[in-house]
Amino acid sequence: MVINLRNVKKYLITELKLSDEESESFLFIIKNGKSNLEKIAESSKCSKNKVLDTLESLVEKGMIINVSAEYESLHPKFAIVNRYRRLCQNDNLPFKKNLLIDSLGTVLQRPFEDARTK
């Protein structure tokens, strides 16, 4: 199974149980760096209220943080493993190494770093 930037969204939805909107917002922040609500809403073409709900859901899932009205992703490896750990806890499954989850974090590491070293 090969994971690349083109199919990351599919795995975020299937493996981490994110919604389409959560996946889109998470990937936007990974690729663009710290962003405010208006910028994210404009990119998604959704209402600010819908995007705000989506972003707050990602904060609750331990994938992004809200810093002074701007949203920033945790490092992708940490964000993805954090979400996976919470899913395991919620489903009463043992938390153990998962190569697919590790690969998702690795694939997103480059765009994350590129957006923060511009």
N, C-alpha and C. Protein backbone atom coordinates (compact mmCIF):
# COMPACT_ATOMS: atom_id res chain seq x y z
N MET A 1 0.86 -1.18 0.00
CA MET A 1 0.00 0.00 0.00
C MET A 1 0.90 1.24 0.00
N VAL A 2 0.72 2.07 -1.01
CA VAL A 2 1.53 3.28 -1.14
C VAL A 2 0.67 4.48 -0.77
N ILE A 3 1.20 5.28 0.14
CA ILE A 3 0.51 6.49 0.53
C ILE A 3 1.27 7.67 -0.04
N ASN A 4 0.55 8.54 -0.74
CA ASN A 4 1.14 9.76 -1.24
C ASN A 4 0.16 10.90 -1.00
N LEU A 5 0.56 12.11 -1.33
CA LEU A 5 -0.29 13.27 -1.05
C LEU A 5 -1.64 13.19 -1.73
N ARG A 6 -1.73 12.48 -2.86
CA ARG A 6 -3.01 12.39 -3.57
C ARG A 6 -4.03 11.53 -2.84
N ASN A 7 -3.58 10.54 -2.08
CA ASN A 7 -4.55 9.68 -1.42
C ASN A 7 -4.55 9.80 0.12
N VAL A 8 -3.85 10.78 0.65
CA VAL A 8 -3.81 10.98 2.10
C VAL A 8 -5.21 11.26 2.64
N LYS A 9 -5.96 12.09 1.96
CA LYS A 9 -7.30 12.45 2.44
C LYS A 9 -8.16 11.20 2.64
N LYS A 10 -8.09 10.28 1.71
CA LYS A 10 -8.87 9.04 1.81
C LYS A 10 -8.52 8.29 3.10
N TYR A 11 -7.24 8.22 3.43
CA TYR A 11 -6.82 7.51 4.64
C TYR A 11 -7.15 8.29 5.91
N LEU A 12 -7.14 9.61 5.84
CA LEU A 12 -7.56 10.39 7.00
C LEU A 12 -9.02 10.09 7.34
N ILE A 13 -9.82 9.91 6.31
CA ILE A 13 -11.24 9.63 6.49
C ILE A 13 -11.46 8.17 6.94
N THR A 14 -10.81 7.23 6.28
CA THR A 14 -11.07 5.83 6.59
C THR A 14 -10.37 5.35 7.86
N GLU A 15 -9.13 5.74 8.06
CA GLU A 15 -8.35 5.21 9.18
C GLU A 15 -8.49 6.04 10.45
N LEU A 16 -8.65 7.35 10.30
CA LEU A 16 -8.73 8.22 11.48
C LEU A 16 -10.15 8.71 11.74
N LYS A 17 -11.07 8.28 10.89
CA LYS A 17 -12.49 8.61 11.05
C LYS A 17 -12.75 10.12 11.11
N LEU A 18 -12.04 10.85 10.25
CA LEU A 18 -12.30 12.28 10.11
C LEU A 18 -13.36 12.47 9.05
N SER A 19 -14.11 13.55 9.17
CA SER A 19 -15.08 13.88 8.12
C SER A 19 -14.33 14.47 6.93
N ASP A 20 -15.02 14.60 5.82
CA ASP A 20 -14.43 15.22 4.64
C ASP A 20 -13.96 16.63 4.97
N GLU A 21 -14.78 17.38 5.68
CA GLU A 21 -14.44 18.77 6.04
C GLU A 21 -13.25 18.82 6.99
N GLU A 22 -13.21 17.90 7.95
CA GLU A 22 -12.07 17.86 8.87
C GLU A 22 -10.78 17.54 8.12
N SER A 23 -10.85 16.59 7.21
CA SER A 23 -9.68 16.23 6.42
C SER A 23 -9.19 17.40 5.58
N GLU A 24 -10.12 18.07 4.92
CA GLU A 24 -9.77 19.23 4.08
C GLU A 24 -9.13 20.33 4.92
N SER A 25 -9.71 20.64 6.06
CA SER A 25 -9.18 21.71 6.91
C SER A 25 -7.81 21.34 7.47
N PHE A 26 -7.67 20.10 7.91
CA PHE A 26 -6.39 19.64 8.44
C PHE A 26 -5.30 19.74 7.37
N LEU A 27 -5.60 19.26 6.18
CA LEU A 27 -4.62 19.31 5.10
C LEU A 27 -4.31 20.75 4.68
N PHE A 28 -5.30 21.62 4.71
CA PHE A 28 -5.06 23.03 4.39
C PHE A 28 -4.05 23.63 5.37
N ILE A 29 -4.24 23.37 6.65
CA ILE A 29 -3.33 23.93 7.66
C ILE A 29 -1.95 23.29 7.55
N ILE A 30 -1.88 22.00 7.28
CA ILE A 30 -0.58 21.34 7.08
C ILE A 30 0.17 22.02 5.94
N LYS A 31 -0.50 22.24 4.81
CA LYS A 31 0.15 22.76 3.61
C LYS A 31 0.39 24.26 3.63
N ASN A 32 -0.39 25.01 4.42
CA ASN A 32 -0.30 26.47 4.40
C ASN A 32 0.21 27.09 5.69
N GLY A 33 0.35 26.31 6.72
CA GLY A 33 0.82 26.84 7.99
C GLY A 33 -0.31 27.49 8.76
N LYS A 34 0.06 28.18 9.83
CA LYS A 34 -0.90 28.81 10.71
C LYS A 34 -1.86 29.69 9.90
N SER A 35 -3.16 29.51 10.13
CA SER A 35 -4.17 30.23 9.34
C SER A 35 -5.33 30.64 10.24
N ASN A 36 -5.96 31.74 9.88
CA ASN A 36 -7.13 32.18 10.64
C ASN A 36 -8.41 31.60 10.03
N LEU A 37 -9.48 31.77 10.74
CA LEU A 37 -10.77 31.22 10.33
C LEU A 37 -11.18 31.71 8.94
N GLU A 38 -11.01 32.99 8.68
CA GLU A 38 -11.43 33.56 7.39
C GLU A 38 -10.69 32.92 6.23
N LYS A 39 -9.40 32.73 6.39
CA LYS A 39 -8.58 32.14 5.32
C LYS A 39 -9.00 30.69 5.04
N ILE A 40 -9.25 29.96 6.10
CA ILE A 40 -9.64 28.55 5.95
C ILE A 40 -11.04 28.46 5.34
N ALA A 41 -11.96 29.32 5.80
CA ALA A 41 -13.32 29.32 5.26
C ALA A 41 -13.32 29.69 3.78
N GLU A 42 -12.50 30.65 3.42
CA GLU A 42 -12.42 31.07 2.01
C GLU A 42 -11.93 29.92 1.13
N SER A 43 -10.96 29.18 1.62
CA SER A 43 -10.42 28.07 0.82
C SER A 43 -11.42 26.93 0.69
N SER A 44 -12.25 26.74 1.72
CA SER A 44 -13.19 25.63 1.71
C SER A 44 -14.53 25.97 1.08
N LYS A 45 -14.77 27.26 0.90
CA LYS A 45 -16.05 27.74 0.34
C LYS A 45 -17.23 27.31 1.20
N CYS A 46 -17.00 27.22 2.50
CA CYS A 46 -18.05 26.91 3.47
C CYS A 46 -18.26 28.12 4.36
N SER A 47 -19.36 28.13 5.07
CA SER A 47 -19.63 29.23 5.98
C SER A 47 -18.62 29.23 7.12
N LYS A 48 -18.40 30.39 7.69
CA LYS A 48 -17.47 30.50 8.81
C LYS A 48 -17.93 29.65 9.99
N ASN A 49 -19.25 29.59 10.21
CA ASN A 49 -19.77 28.78 11.32
C ASN A 49 -19.46 27.30 11.12
N LYS A 50 -19.64 26.81 9.91
CA LYS A 50 -19.35 25.40 9.61
C LYS A 50 -17.87 25.11 9.80
N VAL A 51 -17.03 26.02 9.28
CA VAL A 51 -15.58 25.84 9.40
C VAL A 51 -15.15 25.92 10.86
N LEU A 52 -15.73 26.84 11.61
CA LEU A 52 -15.40 26.96 13.03
C LEU A 52 -15.73 25.66 13.77
N ASP A 53 -16.88 25.07 13.49
CA ASP A 53 -17.25 23.79 14.10
C ASP A 53 -16.24 22.70 13.73
N THR A 54 -15.82 22.70 12.47
CA THR A 54 -14.85 21.72 11.99
C THR A 54 -13.52 21.89 12.70
N LEU A 55 -13.06 23.13 12.81
CA LEU A 55 -11.77 23.40 13.45
C LEU A 55 -11.81 23.04 14.93
N GLU A 56 -12.90 23.36 15.59
CA GLU A 56 -13.02 23.03 17.01
C GLU A 56 -13.04 21.51 17.21
N SER A 57 -13.63 20.79 16.26
CA SER A 57 -13.62 19.33 16.32
C SER A 57 -12.19 18.80 16.19
N LEU A 58 -11.40 19.39 15.32
CA LEU A 58 -10.00 18.97 15.16
C LEU A 58 -9.19 19.30 16.41
N VAL A 59 -9.50 20.40 17.07
CA VAL A 59 -8.84 20.74 18.33
C VAL A 59 -9.16 19.67 19.37
N GLU A 60 -10.45 19.30 19.47
CA GLU A 60 -10.87 18.27 20.42
C GLU A 60 -10.24 16.92 20.13
N LYS A 61 -9.96 16.66 18.86
CA LYS A 61 -9.36 15.38 18.47
C LYS A 61 -7.85 15.38 18.63
N GLY A 62 -7.29 16.51 19.07
CA GLY A 62 -5.86 16.59 19.34
C GLY A 62 -4.98 16.71 18.12
N MET A 63 -5.51 17.28 17.04
CA MET A 63 -4.73 17.39 15.81
C MET A 63 -4.25 18.81 15.51
N ILE A 64 -4.99 19.80 15.96
CA ILE A 64 -4.60 21.19 15.76
C ILE A 64 -4.79 21.94 17.08
N ILE A 65 -4.23 23.14 17.12
CA ILE A 65 -4.41 24.01 18.28
C ILE A 65 -4.87 25.38 17.81
N ASN A 66 -5.49 26.11 18.72
CA ASN A 66 -5.95 27.47 18.45
C ASN A 66 -5.03 28.40 19.23
N VAL A 67 -4.29 29.24 18.50
CA VAL A 67 -3.34 30.18 19.12
C VAL A 67 -3.70 31.58 18.66
N SER A 68 -4.25 32.36 19.57
CA SER A 68 -4.57 33.77 19.28
C SER A 68 -5.40 33.90 18.00
N ALA A 69 -6.49 33.16 17.92
CA ALA A 69 -7.44 33.21 16.80
C ALA A 69 -6.84 32.69 15.48
N GLU A 70 -5.75 31.96 15.56
CA GLU A 70 -5.21 31.29 14.39
C GLU A 70 -5.06 29.81 14.73
N TYR A 71 -5.22 29.00 13.73
CA TYR A 71 -5.17 27.55 13.92
C TYR A 71 -3.87 27.03 13.33
N GLU A 72 -3.24 26.14 14.09
CA GLU A 72 -1.98 25.55 13.68
C GLU A 72 -2.03 24.05 13.95
N SER A 73 -1.46 23.32 13.04
CA SER A 73 -1.40 21.87 13.22
C SER A 73 -0.24 21.51 14.13
N LEU A 74 -0.44 20.46 14.90
CA LEU A 74 0.69 19.85 15.57
C LEU A 74 1.54 19.21 14.47
N HIS A 75 2.76 18.84 14.79
CA HIS A 75 3.56 18.14 13.79
C HIS A 75 2.73 16.96 13.30
N PRO A 76 2.71 16.71 11.98
CA PRO A 76 1.80 15.67 11.45
C PRO A 76 1.99 14.29 12.07
N LYS A 77 3.22 13.90 12.36
CA LYS A 77 3.40 12.58 12.99
C LYS A 77 2.72 12.55 14.35
N PHE A 78 2.86 13.61 15.10
CA PHE A 78 2.25 13.67 16.42
C PHE A 78 0.73 13.79 16.31
N ALA A 79 0.25 14.65 15.41
CA ALA A 79 -1.19 14.86 15.25
C ALA A 79 -1.90 13.56 14.88
N ILE A 80 -1.33 12.83 13.95
CA ILE A 80 -1.96 11.61 13.46
C ILE A 80 -1.91 10.49 14.51
N VAL A 81 -0.77 10.34 15.16
CA VAL A 81 -0.66 9.32 16.21
C VAL A 81 -1.57 9.69 17.38
N ASN A 82 -1.66 10.98 17.68
CA ASN A 82 -2.54 11.46 18.75
C ASN A 82 -3.99 11.05 18.46
N ARG A 83 -4.44 11.28 17.24
CA ARG A 83 -5.81 10.91 16.86
C ARG A 83 -5.99 9.39 16.91
N TYR A 84 -5.01 8.66 16.40
CA TYR A 84 -5.08 7.20 16.40
C TYR A 84 -5.16 6.66 17.83
N ARG A 85 -4.36 7.22 18.73
CA ARG A 85 -4.38 6.79 20.13
C ARG A 85 -5.76 7.01 20.74
N ARG A 86 -6.37 8.16 20.45
CA ARG A 86 -7.71 8.45 20.98
C ARG A 86 -8.76 7.50 20.41
N LEU A 87 -8.63 7.16 19.13
CA LEU A 87 -9.56 6.19 18.54
C LEU A 87 -9.43 4.84 19.23
N CYS A 88 -8.20 4.41 19.48
CA CYS A 88 -7.98 3.13 20.17
C CYS A 88 -8.61 3.16 21.56
N GLN A 89 -8.42 4.27 22.27
CA GLN A 89 -9.01 4.39 23.61
C GLN A 89 -10.53 4.33 23.54
N ASN A 90 -11.11 5.07 22.61
CA ASN A 90 -12.57 5.11 22.48
C ASN A 90 -13.16 3.75 22.11
N ASP A 91 -12.42 2.99 21.30
CA ASP A 91 -12.92 1.70 20.84
C ASP A 91 -12.41 0.53 21.70
N ASN A 92 -11.73 0.86 22.81
CA ASN A 92 -11.16 -0.16 23.69
C ASN A 92 -10.27 -1.15 22.94
N LEU A 93 -9.44 -0.61 22.05
CA LEU A 93 -8.48 -1.42 21.31
C LEU A 93 -7.08 -1.15 21.84
N PRO A 94 -6.20 -2.12 21.75
CA PRO A 94 -4.83 -1.85 22.21
C PRO A 94 -4.15 -0.85 21.27
N PHE A 95 -3.43 0.08 21.86
CA PHE A 95 -2.66 1.04 21.06
C PHE A 95 -1.31 0.39 20.75
N LYS A 96 -1.07 0.16 19.48
CA LYS A 96 0.19 -0.47 19.07
C LYS A 96 0.64 0.13 17.76
N LYS A 97 1.85 -0.17 17.40
CA LYS A 97 2.43 0.36 16.17
C LYS A 97 1.53 0.00 14.98
N ASN A 98 1.31 1.00 14.12
CA ASN A 98 0.49 0.81 12.93
C ASN A 98 1.24 1.47 11.77
N LEU A 99 1.71 0.68 10.84
CA LEU A 99 2.53 1.20 9.75
C LEU A 99 1.79 2.19 8.86
N LEU A 100 0.51 1.97 8.67
CA LEU A 100 -0.28 2.89 7.86
C LEU A 100 -0.36 4.26 8.53
N ILE A 101 -0.61 4.27 9.83
CA ILE A 101 -0.68 5.52 10.58
C ILE A 101 0.67 6.22 10.55
N ASP A 102 1.74 5.48 10.75
CA ASP A 102 3.09 6.06 10.70
C ASP A 102 3.38 6.64 9.31
N SER A 103 2.94 5.95 8.28
CA SER A 103 3.17 6.43 6.91
C SER A 103 2.43 7.73 6.62
N LEU A 104 1.22 7.85 7.15
CA LEU A 104 0.46 9.10 6.96
C LEU A 104 1.24 10.29 7.52
N GLY A 105 1.77 10.14 8.72
CA GLY A 105 2.55 11.21 9.33
C GLY A 105 3.79 11.54 8.53
N THR A 106 4.45 10.52 8.03
CA THR A 106 5.68 10.72 7.26
C THR A 106 5.40 11.46 5.95
N VAL A 107 4.33 11.09 5.26
CA VAL A 107 3.99 11.73 3.99
C VAL A 107 3.67 13.22 4.19
N LEU A 108 3.05 13.55 5.31
CA LEU A 108 2.66 14.94 5.55
C LEU A 108 3.79 15.78 6.16
N GLN A 109 4.86 15.15 6.56
CA GLN A 109 5.95 15.88 7.19
C GLN A 109 6.58 16.91 6.24
N ARG A 110 6.81 16.55 5.01
CA ARG A 110 7.47 17.46 4.05
C ARG A 110 6.64 18.71 3.78
N PRO A 111 5.34 18.59 3.41
CA PRO A 111 4.56 19.81 3.20
C PRO A 111 4.42 20.65 4.47
N PHE A 112 4.36 20.00 5.62
CA PHE A 112 4.29 20.71 6.90
C PHE A 112 5.56 21.56 7.07
N GLU A 113 6.70 20.96 6.87
CA GLU A 113 7.96 21.70 7.04
C GLU A 113 8.14 22.77 5.97
N ASP A 114 7.75 22.47 4.74
CA ASP A 114 7.86 23.46 3.66
C ASP A 114 7.04 24.71 3.96
N ALA A 115 5.85 24.54 4.51
CA ALA A 115 4.97 25.68 4.80
C ALA A 115 5.51 26.54 5.93
N ARG A 116 6.36 25.97 6.75
CA ARG A 116 6.85 26.71 7.91
C ARG A 116 8.27 27.23 7.74
N THR A 117 8.86 27.01 6.57
CA THR A 117 10.21 27.52 6.30
C THR A 117 10.23 28.41 5.07
N LYS A 118 9.09 28.99 4.72
CA LYS A 118 9.01 29.86 3.54
C LYS A 118 9.73 31.16 3.81
